[in-house]
Amino acid sequence: MKFAVIMFPGSNCDVDMFHAIQDELGEEVEYVWHTETDLSSFDAILLPGGFSYGDYLRSGAIARFSNVMEQVVKAADAGKPVLGVCNGFQILLEAGLLPGAMRRNESLHFICRNVQLKVENNETMFTSAYQQGQSITIPIAHGEGNYYCDEVTLKRLQEQQQIVFTYEGANPNGSLANIAGIINEKGNVLGMMPHPERAVDRLLGSEDGLGLFKSIVKHWRESYVVTA
């Protein structure tokens, strides 16, 4: 399976994402610059964290107009797995690939620490390696992770099981309904604020994030066998 790690000016979690895929997962991966206009050779698209374009205007607001985002939308429409982490999640929201928006953390401070997440839906291509309701340890590092949407959107997310991860215990950023990660209606675009790529080895304090990447590979292999 071949992964693309999209790089924008200001990305700073791209190396972590690359390491998780190549060294821990053992799959093929390439860095892809934001000017790229063809992602057809990749099986999955990863948008890493950081501060794309310095987070000017709003987090992800400028990156969403990069050339590569047309290809990310095309990949999403084709059913390929698209994962946006932290700033990547913010970019997916700005691009309209996921509903809602991000606000400043309720505390107005940048937060960087491990948190406990609850797996709310393990029947997705990103979460099949987990148990329903499982508690996993994943780090966060953000200043604008306070997810918000209107009541109609929240109800739809809940009814269609699009809320994939929630924060357990104390809510670190004020996110609506403790939301830490959501998926699109089609089920192939996931955005989450916590960093699974930083939780792929016990030496890092947790390897709970590896299950997410293993789930993507499992889904791809099963889909390939079916369609081959």
Protein backbone atom coordinates (compact mmCIF):
# COMPACT_ATOMS: atom_id res chain seq x y z
CA MET A 1 0.00 0.00 0.00
CA LYS A 2 1.31 3.45 -0.89
CA PHE A 3 0.70 6.48 1.33
CA ALA A 4 1.13 10.18 0.52
CA VAL A 5 2.11 12.60 3.28
CA ILE A 6 1.06 16.06 2.09
CA MET A 7 3.46 18.87 3.00
CA PHE A 8 2.40 22.51 3.23
CA PRO A 9 4.62 25.46 4.13
CA GLY A 10 4.55 25.25 7.94
CA SER A 11 3.84 21.52 8.27
CA ASN A 12 5.90 20.13 11.15
CA CYS A 13 4.43 16.69 11.85
CA ASP A 14 5.16 15.28 8.41
CA VAL A 15 8.31 13.47 9.58
CA ASP A 16 6.38 11.82 12.43
CA MET A 17 3.74 10.65 9.96
CA PHE A 18 6.37 9.35 7.53
CA HIS A 19 8.10 7.45 10.35
CA ALA A 20 4.85 5.87 11.51
CA ILE A 21 4.08 4.53 8.04
CA GLN A 22 7.55 3.46 6.90
CA ASP A 23 9.26 2.32 10.10
CA GLU A 24 6.39 1.16 12.30
CA LEU A 25 3.76 0.08 9.78
CA GLY A 26 6.21 -1.13 7.12
CA GLU A 27 4.35 0.35 4.16
CA GLU A 28 5.47 2.53 1.25
CA VAL A 29 5.20 6.28 1.79
CA GLU A 30 6.27 9.48 0.03
CA TYR A 31 6.31 13.16 0.88
CA VAL A 32 4.14 15.20 -1.50
CA TRP A 33 4.56 18.99 -1.79
CA HIS A 34 1.49 21.22 -1.78
CA THR A 35 1.97 22.16 -5.44
CA GLU A 36 1.41 18.59 -6.67
CA THR A 37 -1.43 18.11 -9.17
CA ASP A 38 -1.63 14.32 -9.34
CA LEU A 39 -2.20 11.89 -6.45
CA SER A 40 -3.50 9.03 -8.57
CA SER A 41 -0.56 6.74 -7.75
CA PHE A 42 -1.34 6.78 -4.00
CA ASP A 43 -3.74 4.51 -2.13
CA ALA A 44 -4.18 6.74 0.94
CA ILE A 45 -3.68 10.44 1.65
CA LEU A 46 -2.38 11.80 4.96
CA LEU A 47 -2.56 15.47 5.97
CA PRO A 48 -0.21 16.00 8.95
CA GLY A 49 -0.24 18.56 11.72
CA GLY A 50 1.66 21.81 12.00
CA PHE A 51 0.96 25.43 11.16
CA SER A 52 0.27 25.53 7.43
CA TYR A 53 0.95 29.01 6.07
CA GLY A 54 1.54 30.17 9.64
CA ASP A 55 -2.15 29.65 10.49
CA TYR A 56 -2.85 33.11 9.10
CA LEU A 57 -6.53 34.07 8.75
CA ARG A 58 -7.63 30.77 10.36
CA SER A 59 -5.93 27.43 10.82
CA GLY A 60 -6.05 25.65 7.46
CA ALA A 61 -7.82 28.54 5.70
CA ILE A 62 -5.01 29.21 3.22
CA ALA A 63 -3.84 25.61 2.79
CA ARG A 64 -7.29 24.63 1.58
CA PHE A 65 -6.58 26.62 -1.63
CA SER A 66 -3.32 24.79 -2.41
CA ASN A 67 -3.13 22.98 -5.75
CA VAL A 68 -2.88 19.61 -4.05
CA MET A 69 -6.22 20.02 -2.31
CA GLU A 70 -8.09 19.59 -5.60
CA GLN A 71 -6.43 16.18 -5.78
CA VAL A 72 -7.24 15.41 -2.14
CA VAL A 73 -10.91 16.11 -2.88
CA LYS A 74 -10.67 13.92 -5.97
CA ALA A 75 -9.14 11.08 -3.91
CA ALA A 76 -11.87 11.44 -1.30
CA ASP A 77 -14.56 11.33 -3.97
CA ALA A 78 -12.96 8.15 -5.32
CA GLY A 79 -13.30 6.50 -1.91
CA LYS A 80 -9.62 6.49 -0.98
CA PRO A 81 -8.76 6.83 2.74
CA VAL A 82 -8.00 10.45 3.65
CA LEU A 83 -6.72 11.20 7.16
CA GLY A 84 -6.25 14.71 8.53
CA VAL A 85 -4.54 15.08 11.91
CA CYS A 86 -4.57 18.31 13.93
CA ASN A 87 -3.85 21.01 11.32
CA GLY A 88 -4.77 18.39 8.73
CA PHE A 89 -8.20 18.11 10.38
CA GLN A 90 -8.53 21.89 10.29
CA ILE A 91 -7.70 21.87 6.56
CA LEU A 92 -10.34 19.20 5.88
CA LEU A 93 -12.93 21.35 7.66
CA GLU A 94 -11.94 24.44 5.68
CA ALA A 95 -12.10 22.44 2.44
CA GLY A 96 -15.63 21.25 3.24
CA LEU A 97 -14.64 17.59 3.29
CA LEU A 98 -15.90 17.42 6.88
CA PRO A 99 -18.61 19.49 8.59
CA GLY A 100 -18.04 21.99 11.37
CA ALA A 101 -15.25 24.36 12.37
CA MET A 102 -12.43 24.81 14.87
CA ARG A 103 -12.25 27.50 17.54
CA ARG A 104 -9.53 28.48 19.98
CA ASN A 105 -9.12 26.16 22.95
CA GLU A 106 -11.49 27.16 25.73
CA SER A 107 -8.50 27.94 27.96
CA LEU A 108 -6.95 30.12 25.20
CA HIS A 109 -3.70 28.21 25.79
CA PHE A 110 -1.77 25.77 23.63
CA ILE A 111 -2.10 22.24 25.05
CA CYS A 112 0.48 19.48 24.59
CA ARG A 113 -0.01 16.24 26.53
CA ASN A 114 -1.37 12.71 26.39
CA VAL A 115 -5.15 12.30 26.59
CA GLN A 116 -7.51 9.37 26.79
CA LEU A 117 -9.80 8.80 23.84
CA LYS A 118 -12.85 6.59 23.60
CA VAL A 119 -13.43 4.69 20.36
CA GLU A 120 -17.06 5.55 19.60
CA ASN A 121 -17.23 3.71 16.28
CA ASN A 122 -14.95 0.79 15.46
CA GLU A 123 -16.78 -0.10 12.26
CA THR A 124 -14.81 2.24 9.99
CA MET A 125 -11.80 1.71 7.74
CA PHE A 126 -9.76 3.64 10.33
CA THR A 127 -10.83 1.87 13.53
CA SER A 128 -11.44 -1.82 12.86
CA ALA A 129 -8.33 -2.75 14.89
CA TYR A 130 -9.95 -1.33 18.04
CA GLN A 131 -12.79 -2.53 20.22
CA GLN A 132 -16.01 -0.56 20.51
CA GLY A 133 -15.71 1.71 23.55
CA GLN A 134 -11.98 1.02 23.90
CA SER A 135 -9.91 3.62 25.74
CA ILE A 136 -6.67 4.59 23.96
CA THR A 137 -3.84 6.97 24.87
CA ILE A 138 -2.98 9.51 22.17
CA PRO A 139 -1.14 12.86 22.51
CA ILE A 140 -2.60 16.24 21.56
CA ALA A 141 -0.71 19.41 20.64
CA HIS A 142 -2.90 22.31 19.53
CA GLY A 143 -4.17 25.79 20.27
CA GLU A 144 -7.31 25.58 18.12
CA GLY A 145 -8.87 22.20 18.76
CA ASN A 146 -12.24 23.28 20.08
CA TYR A 147 -14.57 21.58 17.58
CA TYR A 148 -17.91 23.25 16.94
CA CYS A 149 -20.93 22.70 14.71
CA ASP A 150 -24.60 23.67 14.82
CA GLU A 151 -27.27 21.52 16.48
CA VAL A 152 -28.54 20.05 13.21
CA THR A 153 -25.04 18.95 12.20
CA LEU A 154 -24.32 17.50 15.64
CA LYS A 155 -27.54 15.49 15.56
CA ARG A 156 -26.65 14.14 12.12
CA LEU A 157 -23.13 13.21 13.26
CA GLN A 158 -24.57 11.35 16.22
CA GLU A 159 -27.34 9.58 14.30
CA GLN A 160 -25.02 8.46 11.50
CA GLN A 161 -22.25 7.40 13.90
CA GLN A 162 -19.81 9.86 12.37
CA ILE A 163 -18.28 10.71 15.74
CA VAL A 164 -15.35 8.28 15.80
CA PHE A 165 -13.35 9.46 18.83
CA THR A 166 -14.31 11.43 21.94
CA TYR A 167 -12.24 12.68 24.84
CA GLU A 168 -12.56 10.65 28.03
CA GLY A 169 -12.46 12.36 31.38
CA ALA A 170 -11.77 16.09 31.35
CA ASN A 171 -12.37 17.79 28.01
CA PRO A 172 -8.99 19.41 27.17
CA ASN A 173 -10.19 22.11 24.77
CA GLY A 174 -13.94 22.64 25.18
CA SER A 175 -14.81 20.66 22.05
CA LEU A 176 -18.56 20.21 21.52
CA ALA A 177 -19.83 16.85 22.83
CA ASN A 178 -16.21 15.94 23.69
CA ILE A 179 -15.56 15.34 19.98
CA ALA A 180 -11.96 14.42 19.14
CA GLY A 181 -12.46 12.95 15.67
CA ILE A 182 -15.19 12.69 13.03
CA ILE A 183 -15.68 10.94 9.72
CA ASN A 184 -17.57 11.92 6.58
CA GLU A 185 -20.85 10.27 5.55
CA LYS A 186 -19.06 8.09 3.02
CA GLY A 187 -16.75 6.80 5.74
CA ASN A 188 -13.39 7.40 4.04
CA VAL A 189 -12.38 10.85 5.35
CA LEU A 190 -11.35 11.08 9.00
CA GLY A 191 -10.31 14.22 10.83
CA MET A 192 -8.95 14.13 14.38
CA MET A 193 -7.08 16.53 16.63
CA PRO A 194 -5.01 13.95 18.59
CA HIS A 195 -1.83 12.63 16.93
CA PRO A 196 -1.91 8.84 16.34
CA GLU A 197 1.42 9.05 14.49
CA ARG A 198 3.05 10.07 17.78
CA ALA A 199 1.70 6.99 19.54
CA VAL A 200 3.15 4.12 17.51
CA ASP A 201 5.90 2.89 19.85
CA ARG A 202 6.07 2.15 23.58
CA LEU A 203 9.20 4.31 23.78
CA LEU A 204 6.96 7.26 22.92
CA GLY A 205 4.62 6.43 25.81
CA SER A 206 1.92 4.66 23.80
CA GLU A 207 1.52 2.51 20.71
CA ASP A 208 -2.26 2.89 20.62
CA GLY A 209 -2.13 5.01 17.47
CA LEU A 210 -0.70 2.18 15.39
CA GLY A 211 -4.09 0.47 15.32
CA LEU A 212 -5.49 3.29 13.21
CA PHE A 213 -2.88 2.83 10.49
CA LYS A 214 -3.18 -0.96 10.64
CA SER A 215 -6.93 -0.57 10.12
CA ILE A 216 -6.34 1.43 6.93
CA VAL A 217 -4.02 -1.25 5.54
CA LYS A 218 -6.42 -4.03 6.49
CA HIS A 219 -9.28 -2.31 4.71
CA TRP A 220 -7.17 -1.68 1.61
CA ARG A 221 -5.99 -5.28 1.41
CA GLU A 222 -9.50 -6.64 1.84
CA SER A 223 -10.84 -4.24 -0.79
CA TYR A 224 -8.02 -5.13 -3.17
CA VAL A 225 -8.69 -8.86 -2.82
CA VAL A 226 -12.37 -8.28 -3.50
CA THR A 227 -11.80 -6.14 -6.57
CA ALA A 228 -8.70 -7.94 -7.96
